[in-house]
Structures are given as structure tokens and as C-alpha cells.
Amino acid sequence: MKYLLIFSLFFSAPLLAEISPENAVQQLWQSLSSDPQQKPNITKLKELLHPNAVIYGASTKNDSPELKIWSANDFVQMLDKKSETGFYECEVARKMQIYDRFAHVYSVVESRYQQDQIDPDFVGVNSIQLYLAGDKWQILSIYYQVENPNIPVPLLHGKTGVCLS
């Protein structure tokens, strides 16, 4: 019996890694990134986002807060176009909490238009909620805020330019 348990844990480990919340978040940042004249990975985005997901985006324009809200479908449609420049997401810090089928991720991401540039074009902080739907984690909501020029985003344990994955 003991060997059966060890055997099942050993062979199920890759499957568990494929469906982890960490993996879903890594895939999110990878799918949003694209080379010049390319689109983000729309197929992967549709897979990651729950059909009823909501995306909230906050930024500061002319010292005034601005909040935009998209359904999963509207968000994907907005991104379904080629980028003149590239767009590269680099997650530099992550804090995660998981309970049963619930996961919350606090993620700090640097965004660049050129993959090899040193300084990010902007930094954002993200709150991502995930739900384990069957055997895969899906994103229920994303609330991101682009860094306010007057209030730097703390990098927690991260380091600028050093991506987690």
C-alpha cells in the first residue's frame, strides 16, 4: 500500500504542476506577451479566463484615478490584434494564498515594449482570483493597477528585470 501511494504521488506530480495556480498565472503573463507584429496568445487567454471573468484596470491620468472594466470576452477582443512594438510582461514578485478550490495571487509585473530593454515602460500590481474548475485553474477576476508616478509599487522580494519565470 505504501508503494502504491508513493507511485501515485510520483506519477501525478507533473499533472498537479500543470494545473497549479502558479502555472496559470505564469501562462497569463506569457500569453499577454508578444513579439512585434504578433498577437498575444488569444487561444491560451480564452482557456485561462473563466467565461464569466471580469477584468478591472486602474491607472492615474493627469493626477486623476481612472478605472476600466471588461468582461472576459471584451478583454480578449481588445487584445486580439497585432502589436506594432513588442509587449513583454515580466513578473518580478508573487504572493499566493490557496484554500481548496480558491486561490488569490498578488503579482507585481514589469512591462516592456522591447524585450531586451533594462528599464520597464511601466509597472503594475495585480490581484488575481482563481477557481479550480474541474481539473484546471481558471481566472475569475483580475484587478490591476498601473503604477502611480507618485507612489512606487513595492517589489516585495522581487528585483527589477529579474522575471520569476
C-alpha atoms as a PDB file:
ATOM      1  CA  MET A   1       0.000   0.000   0.000  1.00  0.00           C
ATOM      2  CA  LYS A   2       2.840   2.373   0.895  1.00  0.00           C
ATOM      3  CA  TYR A   3       4.460   1.823  -2.513  1.00  0.00           C
ATOM      4  CA  LEU A   4       1.164   2.408  -4.286  1.00  0.00           C
ATOM      5  CA  LEU A   5       0.826   5.793  -2.572  1.00  0.00           C
ATOM      6  CA  ILE A   6       4.412   6.777  -3.451  1.00  0.00           C
ATOM      7  CA  PHE A   7       3.901   5.537  -7.024  1.00  0.00           C
ATOM      8  CA  SER A   8       0.679   7.535  -7.438  1.00  0.00           C
ATOM      9  CA  LEU A   9       2.215  10.693  -5.947  1.00  0.00           C
ATOM     10  CA  PHE A  10       5.287  10.402  -8.154  1.00  0.00           C
ATOM     11  CA  PHE A  11       3.332   9.965 -11.378  1.00  0.00           C
ATOM     12  CA  SER A  12       0.617  12.505 -10.575  1.00  0.00           C
ATOM     13  CA  ALA A  13       3.111  15.272  -9.674  1.00  0.00           C
ATOM     14  CA  PRO A  14       3.527  16.520 -13.276  1.00  0.00           C
ATOM     15  CA  LEU A  15      -0.257  16.662 -13.671  1.00  0.00           C
ATOM     16  CA  LEU A  16      -0.624  18.660 -10.465  1.00  0.00           C
ATOM     17  CA  ALA A  17       2.099  21.079 -11.610  1.00  0.00           C
ATOM     18  CA  GLU A  18       0.299  21.639 -14.907  1.00  0.00           C
ATOM     19  CA  ILE A  19      -2.903  22.717 -13.182  1.00  0.00           C
ATOM     20  CA  SER A  20      -1.431  24.762 -10.319  1.00  0.00           C
ATOM     21  CA  PRO A  21      -2.442  28.385  -9.730  1.00  0.00           C
ATOM     22  CA  GLU A  22       1.244  29.318 -10.144  1.00  0.00           C
ATOM     23  CA  ASN A  23       1.257  27.758 -13.584  1.00  0.00           C
ATOM     24  CA  ALA A  24      -1.969  29.535 -14.570  1.00  0.00           C
ATOM     25  CA  VAL A  25      -0.504  32.914 -13.568  1.00  0.00           C
ATOM     26  CA  GLN A  26       2.758  32.212 -15.419  1.00  0.00           C
ATOM     27  CA  GLN A  27       0.741  31.292 -18.504  1.00  0.00           C
ATOM     28  CA  LEU A  28      -1.277  34.503 -18.167  1.00  0.00           C
ATOM     29  CA  TRP A  29       1.836  36.696 -18.368  1.00  0.00           C
ATOM     30  CA  GLN A  30       3.288  34.591 -21.191  1.00  0.00           C
ATOM     31  CA  SER A  31       0.063  34.724 -23.192  1.00  0.00           C
ATOM     32  CA  LEU A  32      -0.173  38.518 -22.891  1.00  0.00           C
ATOM     33  CA  SER A  33       3.386  38.953 -24.194  1.00  0.00           C
ATOM     34  CA  SER A  34       4.088  39.119 -27.919  1.00  0.00           C
ATOM     35  CA  ASP A  35       6.840  39.961 -30.376  1.00  0.00           C
ATOM     36  CA  PRO A  36       6.499  42.920 -32.770  1.00  0.00           C
ATOM     37  CA  GLN A  37       3.818  42.373 -35.439  1.00  0.00           C
ATOM     38  CA  GLN A  38       2.403  39.441 -33.444  1.00  0.00           C
ATOM     39  CA  LYS A  39      -0.743  38.958 -31.388  1.00  0.00           C
ATOM     40  CA  PRO A  40      -0.919  37.805 -27.789  1.00  0.00           C
ATOM     41  CA  ASN A  41      -1.793  34.125 -27.388  1.00  0.00           C
ATOM     42  CA  ILE A  42      -5.569  34.575 -27.614  1.00  0.00           C
ATOM     43  CA  THR A  43      -6.283  30.838 -27.518  1.00  0.00           C
ATOM     44  CA  LYS A  44      -4.420  30.493 -24.214  1.00  0.00           C
ATOM     45  CA  LEU A  45      -6.103  33.606 -22.773  1.00  0.00           C
ATOM     46  CA  LYS A  46      -9.544  32.182 -23.555  1.00  0.00           C
ATOM     47  CA  GLU A  47      -8.558  28.936 -21.844  1.00  0.00           C
ATOM     48  CA  LEU A  48      -7.232  30.703 -18.737  1.00  0.00           C
ATOM     49  CA  LEU A  49     -10.135  33.109 -18.261  1.00  0.00           C
ATOM     50  CA  HIS A  50     -13.384  31.757 -16.860  1.00  0.00           C
ATOM     51  CA  PRO A  51     -16.204  32.656 -19.311  1.00  0.00           C
ATOM     52  CA  ASN A  52     -17.702  34.973 -16.661  1.00  0.00           C
ATOM     53  CA  ALA A  53     -14.386  36.551 -15.649  1.00  0.00           C
ATOM     54  CA  VAL A  54     -14.137  40.281 -15.104  1.00  0.00           C
ATOM     55  CA  ILE A  55     -11.008  42.396 -15.579  1.00  0.00           C
ATOM     56  CA  TYR A  56     -10.613  45.717 -13.776  1.00  0.00           C
ATOM     57  CA  GLY A  57      -7.855  48.090 -14.835  1.00  0.00           C
ATOM     58  CA  ALA A  58      -6.891  51.146 -12.803  1.00  0.00           C
ATOM     59  CA  SER A  59      -4.458  53.870 -13.735  1.00  0.00           C
ATOM     60  CA  THR A  60      -3.757  57.512 -12.987  1.00  0.00           C
ATOM     61  CA  LYS A  61      -4.223  60.077 -15.756  1.00  0.00           C
ATOM     62  CA  ASN A  62      -3.462  63.744 -15.065  1.00  0.00           C
ATOM     63  CA  ASP A  63      -3.406  63.009 -11.312  1.00  0.00           C
ATOM     64  CA  SER A  64      -6.918  61.535 -11.502  1.00  0.00           C
ATOM     65  CA  PRO A  65      -7.750  57.877 -10.906  1.00  0.00           C
ATOM     66  CA  GLU A  66      -9.346  56.016 -13.802  1.00  0.00           C
ATOM     67  CA  LEU A  67     -10.991  52.580 -13.664  1.00  0.00           C
ATOM     68  CA  LYS A  68     -11.927  50.478 -16.688  1.00  0.00           C
ATOM     69  CA  ILE A  69     -13.936  47.248 -16.564  1.00  0.00           C
ATOM     70  CA  TRP A  70     -14.081  44.464 -19.183  1.00  0.00           C
ATOM     71  CA  SER A  71     -15.822  41.126 -19.460  1.00  0.00           C
ATOM     72  CA  ALA A  72     -13.530  38.225 -20.355  1.00  0.00           C
ATOM     73  CA  ASN A  73     -14.808  38.326 -23.928  1.00  0.00           C
ATOM     74  CA  ASP A  74     -14.343  42.107 -24.296  1.00  0.00           C
ATOM     75  CA  PHE A  75     -10.855  41.913 -22.789  1.00  0.00           C
ATOM     76  CA  VAL A  76      -9.785  39.171 -25.206  1.00  0.00           C
ATOM     77  CA  GLN A  77     -11.288  41.035 -28.184  1.00  0.00           C
ATOM     78  CA  MET A  78      -9.427  44.206 -27.191  1.00  0.00           C
ATOM     79  CA  LEU A  79      -6.127  42.286 -27.194  1.00  0.00           C
ATOM     80  CA  ASP A  80      -6.793  40.311 -30.374  1.00  0.00           C
ATOM     81  CA  LYS A  81      -4.620  42.479 -32.622  1.00  0.00           C
ATOM     82  CA  LYS A  82      -1.028  42.670 -33.744  1.00  0.00           C
ATOM     83  CA  SER A  83       1.261  44.943 -31.794  1.00  0.00           C
ATOM     84  CA  GLU A  84       3.434  47.397 -33.726  1.00  0.00           C
ATOM     85  CA  THR A  85       6.029  47.089 -30.997  1.00  0.00           C
ATOM     86  CA  GLY A  86       6.517  44.051 -28.869  1.00  0.00           C
ATOM     87  CA  PHE A  87       4.909  43.744 -25.460  1.00  0.00           C
ATOM     88  CA  TYR A  88       6.617  41.741 -22.743  1.00  0.00           C
ATOM     89  CA  GLU A  89       5.349  41.005 -19.249  1.00  0.00           C
ATOM     90  CA  CYS A  90       7.915  40.169 -16.560  1.00  0.00           C
ATOM     91  CA  GLU A  91       6.511  39.026 -13.224  1.00  0.00           C
ATOM     92  CA  VAL A  92       9.025  40.097 -10.578  1.00  0.00           C
ATOM     93  CA  ALA A  93       7.125  39.248  -7.368  1.00  0.00           C
ATOM     94  CA  ARG A  94       4.255  36.993  -6.354  1.00  0.00           C
ATOM     95  CA  LYS A  95       2.417  36.228  -3.152  1.00  0.00           C
ATOM     96  CA  MET A  96      -0.161  33.447  -3.224  1.00  0.00           C
ATOM     97  CA  GLN A  97      -2.832  32.112  -0.915  1.00  0.00           C
ATOM     98  CA  ILE A  98      -4.683  28.867  -1.648  1.00  0.00           C
ATOM     99  CA  TYR A  99      -7.574  27.136   0.031  1.00  0.00           C
ATOM    100  CA  ASP A 100      -9.333  24.157  -1.558  1.00  0.00           C
ATOM    101  CA  ARG A 101     -10.645  25.431  -4.949  1.00  0.00           C
ATOM    102  CA  PHE A 102      -9.825  29.070  -4.142  1.00  0.00           C
ATOM    103  CA  ALA A 103      -6.606  30.910  -4.940  1.00  0.00           C
ATOM    104  CA  HIS A 104      -5.604  34.544  -4.683  1.00  0.00           C
ATOM    105  CA  VAL A 105      -2.420  35.886  -6.251  1.00  0.00           C
ATOM    106  CA  TYR A 106      -0.797  39.268  -5.631  1.00  0.00           C
ATOM    107  CA  SER A 107       1.557  39.784  -8.550  1.00  0.00           C
ATOM    108  CA  VAL A 108       3.940  42.607  -9.445  1.00  0.00           C
ATOM    109  CA  VAL A 109       4.674  42.822 -13.161  1.00  0.00           C
ATOM    110  CA  GLU A 110       7.028  44.978 -15.199  1.00  0.00           C
ATOM    111  CA  SER A 111       6.001  45.658 -18.788  1.00  0.00           C
ATOM    112  CA  ARG A 112       8.351  46.469 -21.644  1.00  0.00           C
ATOM    113  CA  TYR A 113       7.841  47.229 -25.323  1.00  0.00           C
ATOM    114  CA  GLN A 114      11.292  45.868 -26.154  1.00  0.00           C
ATOM    115  CA  GLN A 115      12.265  42.579 -24.593  1.00  0.00           C
ATOM    116  CA  ASP A 116      15.931  43.458 -24.017  1.00  0.00           C
ATOM    117  CA  GLN A 117      15.471  46.943 -22.543  1.00  0.00           C
ATOM    118  CA  ILE A 118      16.643  47.396 -18.962  1.00  0.00           C
ATOM    119  CA  ASP A 119      14.025  49.737 -17.509  1.00  0.00           C
ATOM    120  CA  PRO A 120      10.340  48.811 -17.700  1.00  0.00           C
ATOM    121  CA  ASP A 121       7.936  51.085 -19.556  1.00  0.00           C
ATOM    122  CA  PHE A 122       5.554  50.667 -16.635  1.00  0.00           C
ATOM    123  CA  VAL A 123       4.995  48.556 -13.548  1.00  0.00           C
ATOM    124  CA  GLY A 124       1.701  47.159 -12.354  1.00  0.00           C
ATOM    125  CA  VAL A 125       0.321  45.426  -9.324  1.00  0.00           C
ATOM    126  CA  ASN A 126      -2.280  42.706  -9.865  1.00  0.00           C
ATOM    127  CA  SER A 127      -4.833  40.919  -7.728  1.00  0.00           C
ATOM    128  CA  ILE A 128      -5.852  37.681  -9.451  1.00  0.00           C
ATOM    129  CA  GLN A 129      -8.577  35.355  -8.197  1.00  0.00           C
ATOM    130  CA  LEU A 130      -8.692  31.787  -9.474  1.00  0.00           C
ATOM    131  CA  TYR A 131     -11.128  28.903  -9.149  1.00  0.00           C
ATOM    132  CA  LEU A 132     -10.356  25.224  -9.629  1.00  0.00           C
ATOM    133  CA  ALA A 133     -12.967  24.291 -12.245  1.00  0.00           C
ATOM    134  CA  GLY A 134     -12.825  20.527 -12.600  1.00  0.00           C
ATOM    135  CA  ASP A 135      -9.106  19.829 -13.015  1.00  0.00           C
ATOM    136  CA  LYS A 136      -7.883  23.243 -14.175  1.00  0.00           C
ATOM    137  CA  TRP A 137      -7.470  26.606 -12.533  1.00  0.00           C
ATOM    138  CA  GLN A 138      -9.349  29.422 -14.243  1.00  0.00           C
ATOM    139  CA  ILE A 139      -9.088  33.133 -13.614  1.00  0.00           C
ATOM    140  CA  LEU A 140     -12.318  34.584 -12.211  1.00  0.00           C
ATOM    141  CA  SER A 141     -11.075  38.154 -11.945  1.00  0.00           C
ATOM    142  CA  ILE A 142      -8.067  40.352 -12.392  1.00  0.00           C
ATOM    143  CA  TYR A 143      -7.767  43.748 -10.783  1.00  0.00           C
ATOM    144  CA  TYR A 144      -4.636  45.523 -11.927  1.00  0.00           C
ATOM    145  CA  GLN A 145      -3.333  48.966 -11.220  1.00  0.00           C
ATOM    146  CA  VAL A 146      -0.633  50.646 -13.240  1.00  0.00           C
ATOM    147  CA  GLU A 147       1.935  52.294 -11.007  1.00  0.00           C
ATOM    148  CA  ASN A 148       1.048  55.811  -9.933  1.00  0.00           C
ATOM    149  CA  PRO A 149       4.076  58.005 -10.756  1.00  0.00           C
ATOM    150  CA  ASN A 150       3.853  59.489  -7.241  1.00  0.00           C
ATOM    151  CA  ILE A 151       3.671  56.114  -5.430  1.00  0.00           C
ATOM    152  CA  PRO A 152       6.184  53.430  -6.486  1.00  0.00           C
ATOM    153  CA  VAL A 153       4.964  49.819  -6.426  1.00  0.00           C
ATOM    154  CA  PRO A 154       6.896  47.878  -3.762  1.00  0.00           C
ATOM    155  CA  LEU A 155       8.677  44.931  -5.357  1.00  0.00           C
ATOM    156  CA  LEU A 156       8.328  42.815  -2.174  1.00  0.00           C
ATOM    157  CA  HIS A 157      11.092  40.222  -2.501  1.00  0.00           C
ATOM    158  CA  GLY A 158      11.497  40.793  -6.253  1.00  0.00           C
ATOM    159  CA  LYS A 159      14.176  42.587  -8.213  1.00  0.00           C
ATOM    160  CA  THR A 160      13.576  44.774 -11.246  1.00  0.00           C
ATOM    161  CA  GLY A 161      14.347  42.956 -14.502  1.00  0.00           C
ATOM    162  CA  VAL A 162      14.508  39.528 -12.865  1.00  0.00           C
ATOM    163  CA  CYS A 163      11.473  37.559 -14.021  1.00  0.00           C
ATOM    164  CA  LEU A 164      10.074  34.752 -11.883  1.00  0.00           C
ATOM    165  CA  SER A 165       9.683  32.508 -14.923  1.00  0.00           C
END
